[in-house]
All heavy atoms as atom14 arrays in JSON, in Angstrom:
{
  "sequence": "VLSAAVIVGCIVLDNAQNGKYRNPVEISFTIADTKEIDISKTNAAD",
  "atom14_mask": [
    [1, 1, 1, 1, 1, 1, 1, 0, 0, 0, 0, 0, 0, 0],
    [1, 1, 1, 1, 1, 1, 1, 1, 0, 0, 0, 0, 0, 0],
    [1, 1, 1, 1, 1, 1, 0, 0, 0, 0, 0, 0, 0, 0],
    [1, 1, 1, 1, 1, 0, 0, 0, 0, 0, 0, 0, 0, 0],
    [1, 1, 1, 1, 1, 0, 0, 0, 0, 0, 0, 0, 0, 0],
    [1, 1, 1, 1, 1, 1, 1, 0, 0, 0, 0, 0, 0, 0],
    [1, 1, 1, 1, 1, 1, 1, 1, 0, 0, 0, 0, 0, 0],
    [1, 1, 1, 1, 1, 1, 1, 0, 0, 0, 0, 0, 0, 0],
    [1, 1, 1, 1, 0, 0, 0, 0, 0, 0, 0, 0, 0, 0],
    [1, 1, 1, 1, 1, 1, 0, 0, 0, 0, 0, 0, 0, 0],
    [1, 1, 1, 1, 1, 1, 1, 1, 0, 0, 0, 0, 0, 0],
    [1, 1, 1, 1, 1, 1, 1, 0, 0, 0, 0, 0, 0, 0],
    [1, 1, 1, 1, 1, 1, 1, 1, 0, 0, 0, 0, 0, 0],
    [1, 1, 1, 1, 1, 1, 1, 1, 0, 0, 0, 0, 0, 0],
    [1, 1, 1, 1, 1, 1, 1, 1, 0, 0, 0, 0, 0, 0],
    [1, 1, 1, 1, 1, 0, 0, 0, 0, 0, 0, 0, 0, 0],
    [1, 1, 1, 1, 1, 1, 1, 1, 1, 0, 0, 0, 0, 0],
    [1, 1, 1, 1, 1, 1, 1, 1, 0, 0, 0, 0, 0, 0],
    [1, 1, 1, 1, 0, 0, 0, 0, 0, 0, 0, 0, 0, 0],
    [1, 1, 1, 1, 1, 1, 1, 1, 1, 0, 0, 0, 0, 0],
    [1, 1, 1, 1, 1, 1, 1, 1, 1, 1, 1, 1, 0, 0],
    [1, 1, 1, 1, 1, 1, 1, 1, 1, 1, 1, 0, 0, 0],
    [1, 1, 1, 1, 1, 1, 1, 1, 0, 0, 0, 0, 0, 0],
    [1, 1, 1, 1, 1, 1, 1, 0, 0, 0, 0, 0, 0, 0],
    [1, 1, 1, 1, 1, 1, 1, 0, 0, 0, 0, 0, 0, 0],
    [1, 1, 1, 1, 1, 1, 1, 1, 1, 0, 0, 0, 0, 0],
    [1, 1, 1, 1, 1, 1, 1, 1, 0, 0, 0, 0, 0, 0],
    [1, 1, 1, 1, 1, 1, 0, 0, 0, 0, 0, 0, 0, 0],
    [1, 1, 1, 1, 1, 1, 1, 1, 1, 1, 1, 0, 0, 0],
    [1, 1, 1, 1, 1, 1, 1, 0, 0, 0, 0, 0, 0, 0],
    [1, 1, 1, 1, 1, 1, 1, 1, 0, 0, 0, 0, 0, 0],
    [1, 1, 1, 1, 1, 0, 0, 0, 0, 0, 0, 0, 0, 0],
    [1, 1, 1, 1, 1, 1, 1, 1, 0, 0, 0, 0, 0, 0],
    [1, 1, 1, 1, 1, 1, 1, 0, 0, 0, 0, 0, 0, 0],
    [1, 1, 1, 1, 1, 1, 1, 1, 1, 0, 0, 0, 0, 0],
    [1, 1, 1, 1, 1, 1, 1, 1, 1, 0, 0, 0, 0, 0],
    [1, 1, 1, 1, 1, 1, 1, 1, 0, 0, 0, 0, 0, 0],
    [1, 1, 1, 1, 1, 1, 1, 1, 0, 0, 0, 0, 0, 0],
    [1, 1, 1, 1, 1, 1, 1, 1, 0, 0, 0, 0, 0, 0],
    [1, 1, 1, 1, 1, 1, 0, 0, 0, 0, 0, 0, 0, 0],
    [1, 1, 1, 1, 1, 1, 1, 1, 1, 0, 0, 0, 0, 0],
    [1, 1, 1, 1, 1, 1, 1, 0, 0, 0, 0, 0, 0, 0],
    [1, 1, 1, 1, 1, 1, 1, 1, 0, 0, 0, 0, 0, 0],
    [1, 1, 1, 1, 1, 0, 0, 0, 0, 0, 0, 0, 0, 0],
    [1, 1, 1, 1, 1, 0, 0, 0, 0, 0, 0, 0, 0, 0],
    [1, 1, 1, 1, 1, 1, 1, 1, 0, 0, 0, 0, 0, 0]
  ],
  "atom14_positions": [
    [[-41.54, -16.14, -10.5], [-42.08, -15.93, -9.1], [-43.58, -15.99, -9.17], [-44.24, -16.67, -8.33], [-41.49, -14.69, -8.47], [-42.2, -14.38, -7.06], [-40.06, -14.9, -8.13], [0.0, 0.0, 0.0], [0.0, 0.0, 0.0], [0.0, 0.0, 0.0], [0.0, 0.0, 0.0], [0.0, 0.0, 0.0], [0.0, 0.0, 0.0], [0.0, 0.0, 0.0]],
    [[-44.17, -15.27, -10.06], [-45.59, -15.2, -10.11], [-46.2, -16.54, -10.5], [-47.26, -16.98, -9.91], [-46.09, -14.09, -11.16], [-45.87, -12.63, -10.73], [-46.25, -11.71, -11.86], [-46.69, -12.37, -9.5], [0.0, 0.0, 0.0], [0.0, 0.0, 0.0], [0.0, 0.0, 0.0], [0.0, 0.0, 0.0], [0.0, 0.0, 0.0], [0.0, 0.0, 0.0]],
    [[-45.58, -17.19, -11.42], [-46.03, -18.55, -11.84], [-46.04, -19.49, -10.62], [-46.98, -20.26, -10.39], [-45.28, -19.14, -12.92], [-45.39, -18.35, -14.12], [0.0, 0.0, 0.0], [0.0, 0.0, 0.0], [0.0, 0.0, 0.0], [0.0, 0.0, 0.0], [0.0, 0.0, 0.0], [0.0, 0.0, 0.0], [0.0, 0.0, 0.0], [0.0, 0.0, 0.0]],
    [[-44.91, -19.49, -9.84], [-44.82, -20.3, -8.69], [-45.83, -20.0, -7.69], [-46.49, -20.89, -7.08], [-43.4, -20.16, -8.13], [0.0, 0.0, 0.0], [0.0, 0.0, 0.0], [0.0, 0.0, 0.0], [0.0, 0.0, 0.0], [0.0, 0.0, 0.0], [0.0, 0.0, 0.0], [0.0, 0.0, 0.0], [0.0, 0.0, 0.0], [0.0, 0.0, 0.0]],
    [[-46.2, -18.73, -7.53], [-47.17, -18.28, -6.51], [-48.55, -18.79, -6.97], [-49.38, -19.23, -6.17], [-47.19, -16.75, -6.35], [0.0, 0.0, 0.0], [0.0, 0.0, 0.0], [0.0, 0.0, 0.0], [0.0, 0.0, 0.0], [0.0, 0.0, 0.0], [0.0, 0.0, 0.0], [0.0, 0.0, 0.0], [0.0, 0.0, 0.0], [0.0, 0.0, 0.0]],
    [[-48.88, -18.75, -8.22], [-50.07, -19.25, -8.68], [-50.25, -20.71, -8.55], [-51.23, -21.19, -8.12], [-50.28, -18.88, -10.24], [-51.56, -19.59, -10.82], [-50.54, -17.33, -10.39], [0.0, 0.0, 0.0], [0.0, 0.0, 0.0], [0.0, 0.0, 0.0], [0.0, 0.0, 0.0], [0.0, 0.0, 0.0], [0.0, 0.0, 0.0], [0.0, 0.0, 0.0]],
    [[-49.23, -21.5, -8.88], [-49.14, -22.95, -8.67], [-49.37, -23.27, -7.15], [-50.2, -24.05, -6.88], [-47.89, -23.55, -9.17], [-47.92, -23.5, -10.72], [-47.78, -25.01, -8.78], [-46.59, -23.74, -11.4], [0.0, 0.0, 0.0], [0.0, 0.0, 0.0], [0.0, 0.0, 0.0], [0.0, 0.0, 0.0], [0.0, 0.0, 0.0], [0.0, 0.0, 0.0]],
    [[-48.66, -22.64, -6.21], [-48.74, -22.99, -4.84], [-50.1, -22.55, -4.39], [-50.77, -23.28, -3.58], [-47.63, -22.18, -4.06], [-47.99, -22.21, -2.59], [-46.3, -22.77, -4.3], [0.0, 0.0, 0.0], [0.0, 0.0, 0.0], [0.0, 0.0, 0.0], [0.0, 0.0, 0.0], [0.0, 0.0, 0.0], [0.0, 0.0, 0.0], [0.0, 0.0, 0.0]],
    [[-50.67, -21.44, -4.9], [-52.12, -21.03, -4.45], [-53.06, -22.01, -4.92], [-53.97, -22.3, -4.15], [0.0, 0.0, 0.0], [0.0, 0.0, 0.0], [0.0, 0.0, 0.0], [0.0, 0.0, 0.0], [0.0, 0.0, 0.0], [0.0, 0.0, 0.0], [0.0, 0.0, 0.0], [0.0, 0.0, 0.0], [0.0, 0.0, 0.0], [0.0, 0.0, 0.0]],
    [[-52.97, -22.55, -6.09], [-53.92, -23.54, -6.6], [-53.72, -24.87, -5.73], [-54.95, -25.41, -5.43], [-53.62, -23.9, -8.12], [-53.97, -22.59, -9.24], [0.0, 0.0, 0.0], [0.0, 0.0, 0.0], [0.0, 0.0, 0.0], [0.0, 0.0, 0.0], [0.0, 0.0, 0.0], [0.0, 0.0, 0.0], [0.0, 0.0, 0.0], [0.0, 0.0, 0.0]],
    [[-52.59, -25.23, -5.39], [-52.42, -26.46, -4.61], [-53.1, -26.26, -3.22], [-53.79, -27.07, -2.73], [-50.97, -26.77, -4.42], [-50.49, -27.29, -5.73], [-50.81, -27.87, -3.31], [-48.94, -27.47, -5.83], [0.0, 0.0, 0.0], [0.0, 0.0, 0.0], [0.0, 0.0, 0.0], [0.0, 0.0, 0.0], [0.0, 0.0, 0.0], [0.0, 0.0, 0.0]],
    [[-52.87, -25.05, -2.62], [-53.42, -24.7, -1.31], [-55.03, -24.76, -1.36], [-55.74, -25.34, -0.54], [-52.96, -23.37, -0.72], [-53.75, -22.95, 0.45], [-51.43, -23.47, -0.42], [0.0, 0.0, 0.0], [0.0, 0.0, 0.0], [0.0, 0.0, 0.0], [0.0, 0.0, 0.0], [0.0, 0.0, 0.0], [0.0, 0.0, 0.0], [0.0, 0.0, 0.0]],
    [[-55.54, -24.07, -2.36], [-57.01, -24.01, -2.59], [-57.59, -25.56, -2.79], [-58.55, -25.85, -2.31], [-57.41, -23.14, -3.78], [-57.29, -21.65, -3.54], [-57.49, -20.85, -4.73], [-58.21, -21.21, -2.36], [0.0, 0.0, 0.0], [0.0, 0.0, 0.0], [0.0, 0.0, 0.0], [0.0, 0.0, 0.0], [0.0, 0.0, 0.0], [0.0, 0.0, 0.0]],
    [[-56.89, -26.27, -3.63], [-57.38, -27.59, -3.89], [-57.38, -28.44, -2.59], [-58.26, -29.15, -2.37], [-56.5, -28.24, -5.0], [-57.01, -29.68, -5.21], [-58.15, -29.91, -5.71], [-56.13, -30.63, -5.05], [0.0, 0.0, 0.0], [0.0, 0.0, 0.0], [0.0, 0.0, 0.0], [0.0, 0.0, 0.0], [0.0, 0.0, 0.0], [0.0, 0.0, 0.0]],
    [[-56.31, -28.32, -1.82], [-56.32, -29.04, -0.52], [-57.3, -28.61, 0.41], [-57.93, -29.44, 1.16], [-54.86, -28.94, 0.07], [-53.85, -29.88, -0.58], [-54.24, -30.83, -1.16], [-52.63, -29.49, -0.48], [0.0, 0.0, 0.0], [0.0, 0.0, 0.0], [0.0, 0.0, 0.0], [0.0, 0.0, 0.0], [0.0, 0.0, 0.0], [0.0, 0.0, 0.0]],
    [[-57.53, -27.3, 0.42], [-58.63, -26.8, 1.36], [-59.97, -27.32, 0.97], [-60.78, -27.72, 1.74], [-58.6, -25.28, 1.24], [0.0, 0.0, 0.0], [0.0, 0.0, 0.0], [0.0, 0.0, 0.0], [0.0, 0.0, 0.0], [0.0, 0.0, 0.0], [0.0, 0.0, 0.0], [0.0, 0.0, 0.0], [0.0, 0.0, 0.0], [0.0, 0.0, 0.0]],
    [[-60.22, -27.42, -0.44], [-61.54, -27.9, -0.87], [-61.7, -29.36, -0.94], [-62.72, -29.94, -0.59], [-61.87, -27.31, -2.2], [-63.21, -27.67, -2.77], [-63.58, -27.01, -4.07], [-62.86, -26.25, -4.65], [-64.72, -27.26, -4.6], [0.0, 0.0, 0.0], [0.0, 0.0, 0.0], [0.0, 0.0, 0.0], [0.0, 0.0, 0.0], [0.0, 0.0, 0.0]],
    [[-60.64, -30.16, -1.36], [-60.73, -31.53, -1.65], [-59.87, -32.43, -0.76], [-59.93, -33.62, -0.79], [-60.32, -31.8, -3.08], [-61.24, -31.07, -4.08], [-62.45, -31.09, -3.92], [-60.68, -30.42, -5.11], [0.0, 0.0, 0.0], [0.0, 0.0, 0.0], [0.0, 0.0, 0.0], [0.0, 0.0, 0.0], [0.0, 0.0, 0.0], [0.0, 0.0, 0.0]],
    [[-59.06, -31.77, 0.07], [-58.11, -32.62, 0.93], [-58.87, -33.55, 1.74], [-58.3, -34.69, 1.96], [0.0, 0.0, 0.0], [0.0, 0.0, 0.0], [0.0, 0.0, 0.0], [0.0, 0.0, 0.0], [0.0, 0.0, 0.0], [0.0, 0.0, 0.0], [0.0, 0.0, 0.0], [0.0, 0.0, 0.0], [0.0, 0.0, 0.0], [0.0, 0.0, 0.0]],
    [[-59.94, -33.23, 2.31], [-60.73, -34.15, 3.24], [-61.16, -35.35, 2.55], [-61.55, -36.41, 3.15], [-61.85, -33.41, 3.84], [-62.86, -32.93, 2.94], [-64.05, -32.17, 3.71], [-65.09, -31.72, 2.8], [-66.12, -30.98, 3.48], [0.0, 0.0, 0.0], [0.0, 0.0, 0.0], [0.0, 0.0, 0.0], [0.0, 0.0, 0.0], [0.0, 0.0, 0.0]],
    [[-61.32, -35.31, 1.15], [-61.87, -36.52, 0.41], [-60.86, -37.51, 0.06], [-61.18, -38.57, -0.38], [-62.58, -35.96, -0.85], [-63.77, -35.21, -0.55], [-63.81, -33.82, -0.75], [-64.94, -35.82, -0.04], [-65.01, -33.08, -0.57], [-66.1, -35.07, 0.23], [-66.11, -33.72, -0.03], [-67.15, -32.91, 0.23], [0.0, 0.0, 0.0], [0.0, 0.0, 0.0]],
    [[-59.53, -37.13, 0.12], [-58.51, -37.95, -0.46], [-58.16, -39.31, 0.35], [-57.77, -40.22, -0.31], [-57.21, -37.15, -0.62], [-57.39, -36.07, -1.71], [-55.97, -35.7, -2.23], [-56.2, -34.71, -3.28], [-56.31, -33.38, -3.13], [-56.11, -32.88, -1.95], [-56.43, -32.63, -4.09], [0.0, 0.0, 0.0], [0.0, 0.0, 0.0], [0.0, 0.0, 0.0]],
    [[-58.39, -39.2, 1.56], [-58.01, -40.44, 2.4], [-59.21, -40.9, 3.18], [-60.16, -40.12, 3.56], [-56.86, -40.03, 3.35], [-55.6, -39.63, 2.65], [-55.13, -40.37, 1.84], [-55.07, -38.5, 2.99], [0.0, 0.0, 0.0], [0.0, 0.0, 0.0], [0.0, 0.0, 0.0], [0.0, 0.0, 0.0], [0.0, 0.0, 0.0], [0.0, 0.0, 0.0]],
    [[-59.24, -42.24, 3.55], [-60.26, -42.7, 4.35], [-60.41, -41.98, 5.73], [-59.37, -41.46, 6.22], [-59.88, -44.19, 4.57], [-58.93, -44.47, 3.44], [-58.22, -43.19, 3.12], [0.0, 0.0, 0.0], [0.0, 0.0, 0.0], [0.0, 0.0, 0.0], [0.0, 0.0, 0.0], [0.0, 0.0, 0.0], [0.0, 0.0, 0.0], [0.0, 0.0, 0.0]],
    [[-61.51, -41.88, 6.36], [-61.75, -41.24, 7.67], [-61.89, -42.3, 8.65], [-62.05, -43.52, 8.37], [-63.01, -40.36, 7.6], [-62.83, -39.22, 6.62], [-64.26, -41.12, 7.3], [0.0, 0.0, 0.0], [0.0, 0.0, 0.0], [0.0, 0.0, 0.0], [0.0, 0.0, 0.0], [0.0, 0.0, 0.0], [0.0, 0.0, 0.0], [0.0, 0.0, 0.0]],
    [[-61.76, -41.9, 9.88], [-61.92, -42.84, 10.99], [-63.3, -43.06, 11.34], [-64.18, -42.24, 11.47], [-61.22, -42.32, 12.32], [-61.18, -43.28, 13.46], [-60.54, -42.79, 14.65], [-59.61, -41.86, 14.43], [-60.96, -43.19, 15.73], [0.0, 0.0, 0.0], [0.0, 0.0, 0.0], [0.0, 0.0, 0.0], [0.0, 0.0, 0.0], [0.0, 0.0, 0.0]],
    [[-63.7, -44.38, 11.4], [-65.08, -44.82, 11.78], [-65.04, -45.0, 13.32], [-64.33, -45.87, 13.84], [-65.54, -46.16, 11.12], [-65.38, -46.05, 9.57], [-66.88, -46.51, 11.47], [-66.34, -45.05, 8.93], [0.0, 0.0, 0.0], [0.0, 0.0, 0.0], [0.0, 0.0, 0.0], [0.0, 0.0, 0.0], [0.0, 0.0, 0.0], [0.0, 0.0, 0.0]],
    [[-65.81, -44.15, 14.02], [-65.76, -44.19, 15.48], [-66.79, -45.09, 16.16], [-67.06, -44.83, 17.33], [-65.91, -42.69, 16.02], [-67.2, -42.23, 15.58], [0.0, 0.0, 0.0], [0.0, 0.0, 0.0], [0.0, 0.0, 0.0], [0.0, 0.0, 0.0], [0.0, 0.0, 0.0], [0.0, 0.0, 0.0], [0.0, 0.0, 0.0], [0.0, 0.0, 0.0]],
    [[-67.3, -45.95, 15.4], [-68.34, -46.93, 15.94], [-68.11, -48.3, 15.39], [-67.51, -48.46, 14.44], [-69.79, -46.31, 15.77], [-70.06, -46.22, 14.3], [-70.51, -47.27, 13.55], [-69.97, -44.98, 13.65], [-70.85, -47.11, 12.16], [-70.27, -44.75, 12.36], [-70.68, -45.91, 11.65], [0.0, 0.0, 0.0], [0.0, 0.0, 0.0], [0.0, 0.0, 0.0]],
    [[-68.69, -49.24, 16.19], [-68.82, -50.65, 15.7], [-70.24, -51.1, 15.69], [-70.96, -50.75, 16.6], [-68.01, -51.57, 16.69], [-66.68, -51.1, 16.72], [-67.99, -53.02, 16.26], [0.0, 0.0, 0.0], [0.0, 0.0, 0.0], [0.0, 0.0, 0.0], [0.0, 0.0, 0.0], [0.0, 0.0, 0.0], [0.0, 0.0, 0.0], [0.0, 0.0, 0.0]],
    [[-70.61, -51.71, 14.59], [-72.05, -52.13, 14.54], [-72.15, -53.5, 15.23], [-71.48, -54.52, 14.95], [-72.4, -52.38, 13.05], [-72.39, -50.95, 12.33], [-73.81, -52.96, 12.9], [-72.61, -50.96, 10.89], [0.0, 0.0, 0.0], [0.0, 0.0, 0.0], [0.0, 0.0, 0.0], [0.0, 0.0, 0.0], [0.0, 0.0, 0.0], [0.0, 0.0, 0.0]],
    [[-73.1, -53.55, 16.22], [-73.35, -54.81, 17.06], [-74.59, -55.5, 16.57], [-74.66, -56.74, 16.74], [-73.43, -54.37, 18.47], [0.0, 0.0, 0.0], [0.0, 0.0, 0.0], [0.0, 0.0, 0.0], [0.0, 0.0, 0.0], [0.0, 0.0, 0.0], [0.0, 0.0, 0.0], [0.0, 0.0, 0.0], [0.0, 0.0, 0.0], [0.0, 0.0, 0.0]],
    [[-75.56, -54.78, 15.99], [-76.8, -55.35, 15.6], [-77.5, -54.66, 14.51], [-77.21, -53.36, 14.45], [-77.72, -55.52, 16.93], [-78.91, -56.4, 16.65], [-78.77, -57.32, 15.66], [-79.84, -56.34, 17.36], [0.0, 0.0, 0.0], [0.0, 0.0, 0.0], [0.0, 0.0, 0.0], [0.0, 0.0, 0.0], [0.0, 0.0, 0.0], [0.0, 0.0, 0.0]],
    [[-78.32, -55.21, 13.76], [-79.14, -54.44, 12.72], [-80.61, -54.89, 12.92], [-80.85, -56.09, 13.37], [-78.62, -54.73, 11.36], [-78.76, -56.06, 11.08], [-77.24, -54.29, 11.18], [0.0, 0.0, 0.0], [0.0, 0.0, 0.0], [0.0, 0.0, 0.0], [0.0, 0.0, 0.0], [0.0, 0.0, 0.0], [0.0, 0.0, 0.0], [0.0, 0.0, 0.0]],
    [[-81.47, -54.07, 12.45], [-82.91, -54.4, 12.4], [-83.61, -53.76, 11.21], [-83.36, -52.5, 11.04], [-83.57, -53.85, 13.72], [-85.11, -54.19, 13.74], [-85.6, -53.62, 14.99], [-87.16, -53.74, 15.04], [-87.73, -53.0, 16.14], [0.0, 0.0, 0.0], [0.0, 0.0, 0.0], [0.0, 0.0, 0.0], [0.0, 0.0, 0.0], [0.0, 0.0, 0.0]],
    [[-84.28, -54.44, 10.38], [-84.97, -53.87, 9.25], [-86.01, -52.89, 9.69], [-86.75, -53.12, 10.69], [-85.55, -54.96, 8.36], [-86.09, -54.43, 7.04], [-86.54, -55.49, 6.08], [-86.14, -56.7, 6.22], [-87.34, -55.18, 5.2], [0.0, 0.0, 0.0], [0.0, 0.0, 0.0], [0.0, 0.0, 0.0], [0.0, 0.0, 0.0], [0.0, 0.0, 0.0]],
    [[-86.07, -51.77, 8.95], [-87.19, -50.81, 9.27], [-88.1, -50.68, 8.12], [-87.79, -51.05, 7.01], [-86.58, -49.39, 9.67], [-85.63, -48.87, 8.5], [-85.7, -49.45, 10.99], [-85.11, -47.47, 8.78], [0.0, 0.0, 0.0], [0.0, 0.0, 0.0], [0.0, 0.0, 0.0], [0.0, 0.0, 0.0], [0.0, 0.0, 0.0], [0.0, 0.0, 0.0]],
    [[-89.31, -50.2, 8.46], [-90.41, -49.94, 7.52], [-90.01, -48.75, 6.63], [-89.95, -47.58, 7.11], [-91.7, -49.85, 8.13], [-92.9, -49.62, 7.23], [-92.63, -49.92, 5.94], [-93.95, -49.15, 7.58], [0.0, 0.0, 0.0], [0.0, 0.0, 0.0], [0.0, 0.0, 0.0], [0.0, 0.0, 0.0], [0.0, 0.0, 0.0], [0.0, 0.0, 0.0]],
    [[-89.9, -48.95, 5.3], [-89.7, -47.77, 4.45], [-90.86, -47.62, 3.44], [-90.67, -46.83, 2.57], [-88.37, -47.98, 3.59], [-88.44, -49.24, 2.69], [-87.18, -48.02, 4.52], [-87.31, -49.4, 1.73], [0.0, 0.0, 0.0], [0.0, 0.0, 0.0], [0.0, 0.0, 0.0], [0.0, 0.0, 0.0], [0.0, 0.0, 0.0], [0.0, 0.0, 0.0]],
    [[-91.94, -48.23, 3.75], [-93.14, -48.12, 2.77], [-93.67, -46.72, 2.69], [-94.3, -46.39, 1.67], [-94.29, -49.13, 3.3], [-94.75, -48.68, 4.5], [0.0, 0.0, 0.0], [0.0, 0.0, 0.0], [0.0, 0.0, 0.0], [0.0, 0.0, 0.0], [0.0, 0.0, 0.0], [0.0, 0.0, 0.0], [0.0, 0.0, 0.0], [0.0, 0.0, 0.0]],
    [[-93.46, -45.83, 3.66], [-93.94, -44.46, 3.53], [-92.86, -43.56, 3.14], [-93.05, -42.3, 3.32], [-94.54, -44.05, 4.92], [-95.85, -45.0, 5.28], [-96.5, -44.48, 6.49], [-97.78, -45.21, 6.65], [-97.92, -46.14, 7.7], [0.0, 0.0, 0.0], [0.0, 0.0, 0.0], [0.0, 0.0, 0.0], [0.0, 0.0, 0.0], [0.0, 0.0, 0.0]],
    [[-91.83, -44.01, 2.57], [-90.76, -43.15, 2.11], [-90.77, -43.06, 0.57], [-91.48, -43.8, -0.02], [-89.34, -43.56, 2.6], [-89.07, -44.86, 1.98], [-89.3, -43.75, 4.13], [0.0, 0.0, 0.0], [0.0, 0.0, 0.0], [0.0, 0.0, 0.0], [0.0, 0.0, 0.0], [0.0, 0.0, 0.0], [0.0, 0.0, 0.0], [0.0, 0.0, 0.0]],
    [[-89.85, -42.33, 0.05], [-89.7, -42.27, -1.42], [-88.49, -43.24, -1.89], [-87.77, -42.86, -2.72], [-89.34, -40.84, -1.89], [-88.15, -40.25, -1.1], [-87.64, -40.83, -0.09], [-87.7, -39.06, -1.53], [0.0, 0.0, 0.0], [0.0, 0.0, 0.0], [0.0, 0.0, 0.0], [0.0, 0.0, 0.0], [0.0, 0.0, 0.0], [0.0, 0.0, 0.0]],
    [[-88.53, -44.36, -1.32], [-87.39, -45.33, -1.66], [-87.32, -45.59, -3.14], [-86.18, -45.75, -3.65], [-87.6, -46.63, -0.89], [0.0, 0.0, 0.0], [0.0, 0.0, 0.0], [0.0, 0.0, 0.0], [0.0, 0.0, 0.0], [0.0, 0.0, 0.0], [0.0, 0.0, 0.0], [0.0, 0.0, 0.0], [0.0, 0.0, 0.0], [0.0, 0.0, 0.0]],
    [[-88.44, -45.78, -3.82], [-88.37, -46.05, -5.23], [-87.61, -45.02, -6.05], [-86.99, -45.34, -7.05], [-89.78, -46.19, -5.83], [0.0, 0.0, 0.0], [0.0, 0.0, 0.0], [0.0, 0.0, 0.0], [0.0, 0.0, 0.0], [0.0, 0.0, 0.0], [0.0, 0.0, 0.0], [0.0, 0.0, 0.0], [0.0, 0.0, 0.0], [0.0, 0.0, 0.0]],
    [[-87.67, -43.73, -5.58], [-86.96, -42.68, -6.33], [-85.41, -42.89, -6.32], [-84.69, -42.37, -7.09], [-87.27, -41.3, -5.71], [-88.63, -40.93, -5.87], [-89.35, -41.46, -6.67], [-89.15, -40.05, -5.15], [0.0, 0.0, 0.0], [0.0, 0.0, 0.0], [0.0, 0.0, 0.0], [0.0, 0.0, 0.0], [0.0, 0.0, 0.0], [0.0, 0.0, 0.0]]
  ]
}
């Protein structure tokens, strides 16, 4: 019983922490256009 409780507890904790990463998420937008922006004053090289 204790072993089963530990296993179930680990599964529940893993799902709570990592469950959101397992499947793709819904993208709620569609890209209609793009425009290049100036990144010269950023740390892009890093």
